[in-house]
ModelCIF file with pLDDT and N, C-alpha, C, O atoms, coordinates in Angstrom:
data_MODEL
#
_entry.id   MODEL 
#
_entity.id                         1 
_entity.type                       polymer 
_entity.pdbx_number_of_molecules   1 
#
_entity_poly.entity_id                      1 
_entity_poly.type                           'polypeptide(L)' 
_entity_poly.nstd_linkage                   no 
_entity_poly.nstd_monomer                   no 
_entity_poly.pdbx_seq_one_letter_code       IQEYSDYLKEHTDVEQGVYYLLEISIDRIITMSKDSPK 
_entity_poly.pdbx_seq_one_letter_code_can   IQEYSDYLKEHTDVEQGVYYLLEISIDRIITMSKDSPK 
_entity_poly.pdbx_strand_id                 A 
#
loop_
_entity_poly_seq.entity_id 
_entity_poly_seq.num 
_entity_poly_seq.mon_id 
_entity_poly_seq.hetero 
1 1  ILE n 
1 2  GLN n 
1 3  GLU n 
1 4  TYR n 
1 5  SER n 
1 6  ASP n 
1 7  TYR n 
1 8  LEU n 
1 9  LYS n 
1 10 GLU n 
1 11 HIS n 
1 12 THR n 
1 13 ASP n 
1 14 VAL n 
1 15 GLU n 
1 16 GLN n 
1 17 GLY n 
1 18 VAL n 
1 19 TYR n 
1 20 TYR n 
1 21 LEU n 
1 22 LEU n 
1 23 GLU n 
1 24 ILE n 
1 25 SER n 
1 26 ILE n 
1 27 ASP n 
1 28 ARG n 
1 29 ILE n 
1 30 ILE n 
1 31 THR n 
1 32 MET n 
1 33 SER n 
1 34 LYS n 
1 35 ASP n 
1 36 SER n 
1 37 PRO n 
1 38 LYS n 
#
_struct_asym.id          A 
_struct_asym.entity_id   1 
#
loop_
_ma_qa_metric.id 
_ma_qa_metric.mode 
_ma_qa_metric.name 
_ma_qa_metric.software_group_id 
_ma_qa_metric.type 
1 global pLDDT . pLDDT 
2 local  pLDDT . pLDDT 
#
_ma_qa_metric_global.metric_id      1 
_ma_qa_metric_global.metric_value   84.32 
_ma_qa_metric_global.model_id       1 
_ma_qa_metric_global.ordinal_id     1 
#
loop_
_ma_qa_metric_local.label_asym_id 
_ma_qa_metric_local.label_comp_id 
_ma_qa_metric_local.label_seq_id 
_ma_qa_metric_local.metric_id 
_ma_qa_metric_local.metric_value 
_ma_qa_metric_local.model_id 
_ma_qa_metric_local.ordinal_id 
A ILE 1  2 81.00 1 1  
A GLN 2  2 83.00 1 2  
A GLU 3  2 85.00 1 3  
A TYR 4  2 84.00 1 4  
A SER 5  2 85.00 1 5  
A ASP 6  2 88.00 1 6  
A TYR 7  2 89.00 1 7  
A LEU 8  2 87.00 1 8  
A LYS 9  2 86.00 1 9  
A GLU 10 2 90.00 1 10 
A HIS 11 2 90.00 1 11 
A THR 12 2 87.00 1 12 
A ASP 13 2 85.00 1 13 
A VAL 14 2 81.00 1 14 
A GLU 15 2 85.00 1 15 
A GLN 16 2 87.00 1 16 
A GLY 17 2 84.00 1 17 
A VAL 18 2 87.00 1 18 
A TYR 19 2 88.00 1 19 
A TYR 20 2 89.00 1 20 
A LEU 21 2 88.00 1 21 
A LEU 22 2 88.00 1 22 
A GLU 23 2 89.00 1 23 
A ILE 24 2 90.00 1 24 
A SER 25 2 86.00 1 25 
A ILE 26 2 85.00 1 26 
A ASP 27 2 85.00 1 27 
A ARG 28 2 85.00 1 28 
A ILE 29 2 81.00 1 29 
A ILE 30 2 79.00 1 30 
A THR 31 2 81.00 1 31 
A MET 32 2 81.00 1 32 
A SER 33 2 78.00 1 33 
A LYS 34 2 77.00 1 34 
A ASP 35 2 79.00 1 35 
A SER 36 2 79.00 1 36 
A PRO 37 2 77.00 1 37 
A LYS 38 2 75.00 1 38 
#
loop_
_atom_site.group_PDB 
_atom_site.id 
_atom_site.type_symbol 
_atom_site.label_atom_id 
_atom_site.label_alt_id 
_atom_site.label_comp_id 
_atom_site.label_asym_id 
_atom_site.label_entity_id 
_atom_site.label_seq_id 
_atom_site.pdbx_PDB_ins_code 
_atom_site.Cartn_x 
_atom_site.Cartn_y 
_atom_site.Cartn_z 
_atom_site.occupancy 
_atom_site.B_iso_or_equiv 
_atom_site.pdbx_formal_charge 
_atom_site.auth_seq_id 
_atom_site.auth_comp_id 
_atom_site.auth_asym_id 
_atom_site.auth_atom_id 
_atom_site.pdbx_PDB_model_num 
ATOM 1   N N  . ILE A 1 1  ? 67.820 89.550 119.844 1.00 81.00 ? 1  ILE A N  1 
ATOM 2   C CA . ILE A 1 1  ? 67.276 90.161 121.059 1.00 81.00 ? 1  ILE A CA 1 
ATOM 3   C C  . ILE A 1 1  ? 65.969 89.473 121.449 1.00 81.00 ? 1  ILE A C  1 
ATOM 4   O O  . ILE A 1 1  ? 65.711 89.250 122.632 1.00 81.00 ? 1  ILE A O  1 
ATOM 5   N N  . GLN A 1 2  ? 65.148 89.139 120.456 1.00 83.00 ? 2  GLN A N  1 
ATOM 6   C CA . GLN A 1 2  ? 63.881 88.455 120.746 1.00 83.00 ? 2  GLN A CA 1 
ATOM 7   C C  . GLN A 1 2  ? 64.142 87.072 121.343 1.00 83.00 ? 2  GLN A C  1 
ATOM 8   O O  . GLN A 1 2  ? 63.485 86.676 122.306 1.00 83.00 ? 2  GLN A O  1 
ATOM 9   N N  . GLU A 1 3  ? 65.104 86.334 120.769 1.00 85.00 ? 3  GLU A N  1 
ATOM 10  C CA . GLU A 1 3  ? 65.454 85.013 121.318 1.00 85.00 ? 3  GLU A CA 1 
ATOM 11  C C  . GLU A 1 3  ? 65.950 85.141 122.757 1.00 85.00 ? 3  GLU A C  1 
ATOM 12  O O  . GLU A 1 3  ? 65.586 84.342 123.620 1.00 85.00 ? 3  GLU A O  1 
ATOM 13  N N  . TYR A 1 4  ? 66.775 86.143 123.005 1.00 84.00 ? 4  TYR A N  1 
ATOM 14  C CA . TYR A 1 4  ? 67.302 86.388 124.348 1.00 84.00 ? 4  TYR A CA 1 
ATOM 15  C C  . TYR A 1 4  ? 66.161 86.697 125.316 1.00 84.00 ? 4  TYR A C  1 
ATOM 16  O O  . TYR A 1 4  ? 66.105 86.150 126.418 1.00 84.00 ? 4  TYR A O  1 
ATOM 17  N N  . SER A 1 5  ? 65.265 87.568 124.900 1.00 85.00 ? 5  SER A N  1 
ATOM 18  C CA . SER A 1 5  ? 64.109 87.933 125.737 1.00 85.00 ? 5  SER A CA 1 
ATOM 19  C C  . SER A 1 5  ? 63.203 86.735 125.980 1.00 85.00 ? 5  SER A C  1 
ATOM 20  O O  . SER A 1 5  ? 62.745 86.514 127.100 1.00 85.00 ? 5  SER A O  1 
ATOM 21  N N  . ASP A 1 6  ? 62.945 85.962 124.926 1.00 88.00 ? 6  ASP A N  1 
ATOM 22  C CA . ASP A 1 6  ? 62.115 84.757 125.062 1.00 88.00 ? 6  ASP A CA 1 
ATOM 23  C C  . ASP A 1 6  ? 62.751 83.765 126.031 1.00 88.00 ? 6  ASP A C  1 
ATOM 24  O O  . ASP A 1 6  ? 62.058 83.146 126.839 1.00 88.00 ? 6  ASP A O  1 
ATOM 25  N N  . TYR A 1 7  ? 64.065 83.618 125.948 1.00 89.00 ? 7  TYR A N  1 
ATOM 26  C CA . TYR A 1 7  ? 64.769 82.726 126.857 1.00 89.00 ? 7  TYR A CA 1 
ATOM 27  C C  . TYR A 1 7  ? 64.561 83.177 128.307 1.00 89.00 ? 7  TYR A C  1 
ATOM 28  O O  . TYR A 1 7  ? 64.289 82.357 129.185 1.00 89.00 ? 7  TYR A O  1 
ATOM 29  N N  . LEU A 1 8  ? 64.690 84.482 128.551 1.00 87.00 ? 8  LEU A N  1 
ATOM 30  C CA . LEU A 1 8  ? 64.504 84.996 129.905 1.00 87.00 ? 8  LEU A CA 1 
ATOM 31  C C  . LEU A 1 8  ? 63.080 84.775 130.392 1.00 87.00 ? 8  LEU A C  1 
ATOM 32  O O  . LEU A 1 8  ? 62.866 84.413 131.548 1.00 87.00 ? 8  LEU A O  1 
ATOM 33  N N  . LYS A 1 9  ? 62.109 84.992 129.515 1.00 86.00 ? 9  LYS A N  1 
ATOM 34  C CA . LYS A 1 9  ? 60.708 84.760 129.893 1.00 86.00 ? 9  LYS A CA 1 
ATOM 35  C C  . LYS A 1 9  ? 60.476 83.296 130.225 1.00 86.00 ? 9  LYS A C  1 
ATOM 36  O O  . LYS A 1 9  ? 59.793 82.969 131.196 1.00 86.00 ? 9  LYS A O  1 
ATOM 37  N N  . GLU A 1 10 ? 61.043 82.424 129.417 1.00 90.00 ? 10 GLU A N  1 
ATOM 38  C CA . GLU A 1 10 ? 60.840 80.987 129.579 1.00 90.00 ? 10 GLU A CA 1 
ATOM 39  C C  . GLU A 1 10 ? 61.536 80.438 130.827 1.00 90.00 ? 10 GLU A C  1 
ATOM 40  O O  . GLU A 1 10 ? 61.029 79.516 131.464 1.00 90.00 ? 10 GLU A O  1 
ATOM 41  N N  . HIS A 1 11 ? 62.685 80.998 131.172 1.00 90.00 ? 11 HIS A N  1 
ATOM 42  C CA . HIS A 1 11 ? 63.492 80.439 132.252 1.00 90.00 ? 11 HIS A CA 1 
ATOM 43  C C  . HIS A 1 11 ? 63.441 81.228 133.559 1.00 90.00 ? 11 HIS A C  1 
ATOM 44  O O  . HIS A 1 11 ? 64.120 80.887 134.528 1.00 90.00 ? 11 HIS A O  1 
ATOM 45  N N  . THR A 1 12 ? 62.636 82.276 133.575 1.00 87.00 ? 12 THR A N  1 
ATOM 46  C CA . THR A 1 12 ? 62.478 83.024 134.825 1.00 87.00 ? 12 THR A CA 1 
ATOM 47  C C  . THR A 1 12 ? 61.002 83.308 135.051 1.00 87.00 ? 12 THR A C  1 
ATOM 48  O O  . THR A 1 12 ? 60.180 83.229 134.138 1.00 87.00 ? 12 THR A O  1 
ATOM 49  N N  . ASP A 1 13 ? 60.699 83.635 136.271 1.00 85.00 ? 13 ASP A N  1 
ATOM 50  C CA . ASP A 1 13 ? 59.341 83.995 136.646 1.00 85.00 ? 13 ASP A CA 1 
ATOM 51  C C  . ASP A 1 13 ? 59.452 85.229 137.538 1.00 85.00 ? 13 ASP A C  1 
ATOM 52  O O  . ASP A 1 13 ? 60.413 85.363 138.296 1.00 85.00 ? 13 ASP A O  1 
ATOM 53  N N  . VAL A 1 14 ? 58.490 86.114 137.453 1.00 81.00 ? 14 VAL A N  1 
ATOM 54  C CA . VAL A 1 14 ? 58.563 87.335 138.257 1.00 81.00 ? 14 VAL A CA 1 
ATOM 55  C C  . VAL A 1 14 ? 58.759 87.037 139.736 1.00 81.00 ? 14 VAL A C  1 
ATOM 56  O O  . VAL A 1 14 ? 59.425 87.795 140.442 1.00 81.00 ? 14 VAL A O  1 
ATOM 57  N N  . GLU A 1 15 ? 58.189 85.954 140.200 1.00 85.00 ? 15 GLU A N  1 
ATOM 58  C CA . GLU A 1 15 ? 58.268 85.624 141.623 1.00 85.00 ? 15 GLU A CA 1 
ATOM 59  C C  . GLU A 1 15 ? 59.664 85.172 142.044 1.00 85.00 ? 15 GLU A C  1 
ATOM 60  O O  . GLU A 1 15 ? 59.968 85.139 143.237 1.00 85.00 ? 15 GLU A O  1 
ATOM 61  N N  . GLN A 1 16 ? 60.515 84.823 141.080 1.00 87.00 ? 16 GLN A N  1 
ATOM 62  C CA . GLN A 1 16 ? 61.871 84.389 141.418 1.00 87.00 ? 16 GLN A CA 1 
ATOM 63  C C  . GLN A 1 16 ? 62.787 85.557 141.762 1.00 87.00 ? 16 GLN A C  1 
ATOM 64  O O  . GLN A 1 16 ? 63.878 85.358 142.296 1.00 87.00 ? 16 GLN A O  1 
ATOM 65  N N  . GLY A 1 17 ? 62.354 86.751 141.463 1.00 84.00 ? 17 GLY A N  1 
ATOM 66  C CA . GLY A 1 17 ? 63.100 87.946 141.852 1.00 84.00 ? 17 GLY A CA 1 
ATOM 67  C C  . GLY A 1 17 ? 64.161 88.380 140.863 1.00 84.00 ? 17 GLY A C  1 
ATOM 68  O O  . GLY A 1 17 ? 64.497 87.681 139.907 1.00 84.00 ? 17 GLY A O  1 
ATOM 69  N N  . VAL A 1 18 ? 64.666 89.554 141.136 1.00 87.00 ? 18 VAL A N  1 
ATOM 70  C CA . VAL A 1 18 ? 65.629 90.201 140.252 1.00 87.00 ? 18 VAL A CA 1 
ATOM 71  C C  . VAL A 1 18 ? 66.986 89.499 140.283 1.00 87.00 ? 18 VAL A C  1 
ATOM 72  O O  . VAL A 1 18 ? 67.638 89.368 139.247 1.00 87.00 ? 18 VAL A O  1 
ATOM 73  N N  . TYR A 1 19 ? 67.414 89.049 141.454 1.00 88.00 ? 19 TYR A N  1 
ATOM 74  C CA . TYR A 1 19 ? 68.719 88.390 141.555 1.00 88.00 ? 19 TYR A CA 1 
ATOM 75  C C  . TYR A 1 19 ? 68.790 87.194 140.601 1.00 88.00 ? 19 TYR A C  1 
ATOM 76  O O  . TYR A 1 19 ? 69.757 87.034 139.856 1.00 88.00 ? 19 TYR A O  1 
ATOM 77  N N  . TYR A 1 20 ? 67.763 86.372 140.639 1.00 89.00 ? 20 TYR A N  1 
ATOM 78  C CA . TYR A 1 20 ? 67.723 85.204 139.755 1.00 89.00 ? 20 TYR A CA 1 
ATOM 79  C C  . TYR A 1 20 ? 67.694 85.635 138.287 1.00 89.00 ? 20 TYR A C  1 
ATOM 80  O O  . TYR A 1 20 ? 68.378 85.044 137.451 1.00 89.00 ? 20 TYR A O  1 
ATOM 81  N N  . LEU A 1 21 ? 66.910 86.655 137.976 1.00 88.00 ? 21 LEU A N  1 
ATOM 82  C CA . LEU A 1 21 ? 66.852 87.174 136.612 1.00 88.00 ? 21 LEU A CA 1 
ATOM 83  C C  . LEU A 1 21 ? 68.237 87.616 136.146 1.00 88.00 ? 21 LEU A C  1 
ATOM 84  O O  . LEU A 1 21 ? 68.631 87.335 135.014 1.00 88.00 ? 21 LEU A O  1 
ATOM 85  N N  . LEU A 1 22 ? 68.970 88.303 137.009 1.00 88.00 ? 22 LEU A N  1 
ATOM 86  C CA . LEU A 1 22 ? 70.315 88.752 136.646 1.00 88.00 ? 22 LEU A CA 1 
ATOM 87  C C  . LEU A 1 22 ? 71.244 87.562 136.400 1.00 88.00 ? 22 LEU A C  1 
ATOM 88  O O  . LEU A 1 22 ? 72.020 87.565 135.444 1.00 88.00 ? 22 LEU A O  1 
ATOM 89  N N  . GLU A 1 23 ? 71.163 86.548 137.261 1.00 89.00 ? 23 GLU A N  1 
ATOM 90  C CA . GLU A 1 23 ? 71.986 85.351 137.056 1.00 89.00 ? 23 GLU A CA 1 
ATOM 91  C C  . GLU A 1 23 ? 71.709 84.721 135.691 1.00 89.00 ? 23 GLU A C  1 
ATOM 92  O O  . GLU A 1 23 ? 72.633 84.410 134.939 1.00 89.00 ? 23 GLU A O  1 
ATOM 93  N N  . ILE A 1 24 ? 70.435 84.539 135.388 1.00 90.00 ? 24 ILE A N  1 
ATOM 94  C CA . ILE A 1 24 ? 70.044 83.922 134.116 1.00 90.00 ? 24 ILE A CA 1 
ATOM 95  C C  . ILE A 1 24 ? 70.450 84.808 132.946 1.00 90.00 ? 24 ILE A C  1 
ATOM 96  O O  . ILE A 1 24 ? 70.942 84.311 131.933 1.00 90.00 ? 24 ILE A O  1 
ATOM 97  N N  . SER A 1 25 ? 70.246 86.123 133.079 1.00 86.00 ? 25 SER A N  1 
ATOM 98  C CA . SER A 1 25 ? 70.581 87.065 132.010 1.00 86.00 ? 25 SER A CA 1 
ATOM 99  C C  . SER A 1 25 ? 72.059 87.018 131.673 1.00 86.00 ? 25 SER A C  1 
ATOM 100 O O  . SER A 1 25 ? 72.442 86.954 130.505 1.00 86.00 ? 25 SER A O  1 
ATOM 101 N N  . ILE A 1 26 ? 72.873 87.051 132.695 1.00 85.00 ? 26 ILE A N  1 
ATOM 102 C CA . ILE A 1 26 ? 74.321 87.064 132.486 1.00 85.00 ? 26 ILE A CA 1 
ATOM 103 C C  . ILE A 1 26 ? 74.810 85.715 131.986 1.00 85.00 ? 26 ILE A C  1 
ATOM 104 O O  . ILE A 1 26 ? 75.647 85.657 131.085 1.00 85.00 ? 26 ILE A O  1 
ATOM 105 N N  . ASP A 1 27 ? 74.299 84.626 132.558 1.00 85.00 ? 27 ASP A N  1 
ATOM 106 C CA . ASP A 1 27 ? 74.675 83.297 132.058 1.00 85.00 ? 27 ASP A CA 1 
ATOM 107 C C  . ASP A 1 27 ? 74.313 83.142 130.588 1.00 85.00 ? 27 ASP A C  1 
ATOM 108 O O  . ASP A 1 27 ? 75.088 82.591 129.807 1.00 85.00 ? 27 ASP A O  1 
ATOM 109 N N  . ARG A 1 28 ? 73.141 83.625 130.215 1.00 85.00 ? 28 ARG A N  1 
ATOM 110 C CA . ARG A 1 28 ? 72.686 83.483 128.830 1.00 85.00 ? 28 ARG A CA 1 
ATOM 111 C C  . ARG A 1 28 ? 73.552 84.299 127.874 1.00 85.00 ? 28 ARG A C  1 
ATOM 112 O O  . ARG A 1 28 ? 73.896 83.826 126.791 1.00 85.00 ? 28 ARG A O  1 
ATOM 113 N N  . ILE A 1 29 ? 73.906 85.522 128.268 1.00 81.00 ? 29 ILE A N  1 
ATOM 114 C CA . ILE A 1 29 ? 74.722 86.348 127.377 1.00 81.00 ? 29 ILE A CA 1 
ATOM 115 C C  . ILE A 1 29 ? 76.109 85.728 127.217 1.00 81.00 ? 29 ILE A C  1 
ATOM 116 O O  . ILE A 1 29 ? 76.713 85.821 126.149 1.00 81.00 ? 29 ILE A O  1 
ATOM 117 N N  . ILE A 1 30 ? 76.605 85.105 128.265 1.00 79.00 ? 30 ILE A N  1 
ATOM 118 C CA . ILE A 1 30 ? 77.915 84.451 128.165 1.00 79.00 ? 30 ILE A CA 1 
ATOM 119 C C  . ILE A 1 30 ? 77.824 83.229 127.258 1.00 79.00 ? 30 ILE A C  1 
ATOM 120 O O  . ILE A 1 30 ? 78.721 82.986 126.451 1.00 79.00 ? 30 ILE A O  1 
ATOM 121 N N  . THR A 1 31 ? 76.750 82.463 127.389 1.00 81.00 ? 31 THR A N  1 
ATOM 122 C CA . THR A 1 31 ? 76.549 81.315 126.500 1.00 81.00 ? 31 THR A CA 1 
ATOM 123 C C  . THR A 1 31 ? 76.451 81.771 125.047 1.00 81.00 ? 31 THR A C  1 
ATOM 124 O O  . THR A 1 31 ? 77.070 81.181 124.161 1.00 81.00 ? 31 THR A O  1 
ATOM 125 N N  . MET A 1 32 ? 75.673 82.820 124.809 1.00 81.00 ? 32 MET A N  1 
ATOM 126 C CA . MET A 1 32 ? 75.557 83.351 123.445 1.00 81.00 ? 32 MET A CA 1 
ATOM 127 C C  . MET A 1 32 ? 76.916 83.817 122.939 1.00 81.00 ? 32 MET A C  1 
ATOM 128 O O  . MET A 1 32 ? 77.251 83.620 121.771 1.00 81.00 ? 32 MET A O  1 
ATOM 129 N N  . SER A 1 33 ? 77.693 84.430 123.815 1.00 78.00 ? 33 SER A N  1 
ATOM 130 C CA . SER A 1 33 ? 79.010 84.929 123.442 1.00 78.00 ? 33 SER A CA 1 
ATOM 131 C C  . SER A 1 33 ? 79.962 83.795 123.080 1.00 78.00 ? 33 SER A C  1 
ATOM 132 O O  . SER A 1 33 ? 80.774 83.922 122.164 1.00 78.00 ? 33 SER A O  1 
ATOM 133 N N  . LYS A 1 34 ? 79.855 82.697 123.800 1.00 77.00 ? 34 LYS A N  1 
ATOM 134 C CA . LYS A 1 34 ? 80.691 81.533 123.486 1.00 77.00 ? 34 LYS A CA 1 
ATOM 135 C C  . LYS A 1 34 ? 80.264 80.891 122.172 1.00 77.00 ? 34 LYS A C  1 
ATOM 136 O O  . LYS A 1 34 ? 81.107 80.518 121.356 1.00 77.00 ? 34 LYS A O  1 
ATOM 137 N N  . ASP A 1 35 ? 78.945 80.762 121.965 1.00 79.00 ? 35 ASP A N  1 
ATOM 138 C CA . ASP A 1 35 ? 78.420 80.085 120.783 1.00 79.00 ? 35 ASP A CA 1 
ATOM 139 C C  . ASP A 1 35 ? 78.614 80.890 119.503 1.00 79.00 ? 35 ASP A C  1 
ATOM 140 O O  . ASP A 1 35 ? 78.874 80.326 118.440 1.00 79.00 ? 35 ASP A O  1 
ATOM 141 N N  . SER A 1 36 ? 78.487 82.189 119.607 1.00 79.00 ? 36 SER A N  1 
ATOM 142 C CA . SER A 1 36 ? 78.531 83.042 118.420 1.00 79.00 ? 36 SER A CA 1 
ATOM 143 C C  . SER A 1 36 ? 79.142 84.392 118.783 1.00 79.00 ? 36 SER A C  1 
ATOM 144 O O  . SER A 1 36 ? 78.439 85.401 118.826 1.00 79.00 ? 36 SER A O  1 
ATOM 145 N N  . PRO A 1 37 ? 80.454 84.412 119.045 1.00 77.00 ? 37 PRO A N  1 
ATOM 146 C CA . PRO A 1 37 ? 81.060 85.625 119.598 1.00 77.00 ? 37 PRO A CA 1 
ATOM 147 C C  . PRO A 1 37 ? 80.967 86.870 118.716 1.00 77.00 ? 37 PRO A C  1 
ATOM 148 O O  . PRO A 1 37 ? 80.629 87.946 119.208 1.00 77.00 ? 37 PRO A O  1 
ATOM 149 N N  . LYS A 1 38 ? 81.254 86.743 117.453 1.00 75.00 ? 38 LYS A N  1 
ATOM 150 C CA . LYS A 1 38 ? 81.231 87.935 116.600 1.00 75.00 ? 38 LYS A CA 1 
ATOM 151 C C  . LYS A 1 38 ? 79.829 88.495 116.452 1.00 75.00 ? 38 LYS A C  1 
ATOM 152 O O  . LYS A 1 38 ? 79.633 89.498 115.766 1.00 75.00 ? 38 LYS A O  1 
#
């Protein structure tokens, strides 16, 4: 969870808005799911 949160902090900025945050959040969870599904 910390790595996921750090990734979001590193790759998003408050000024980019919620839509962008959601895109990054969902893309990241899918990447994590592919890399380490269980």
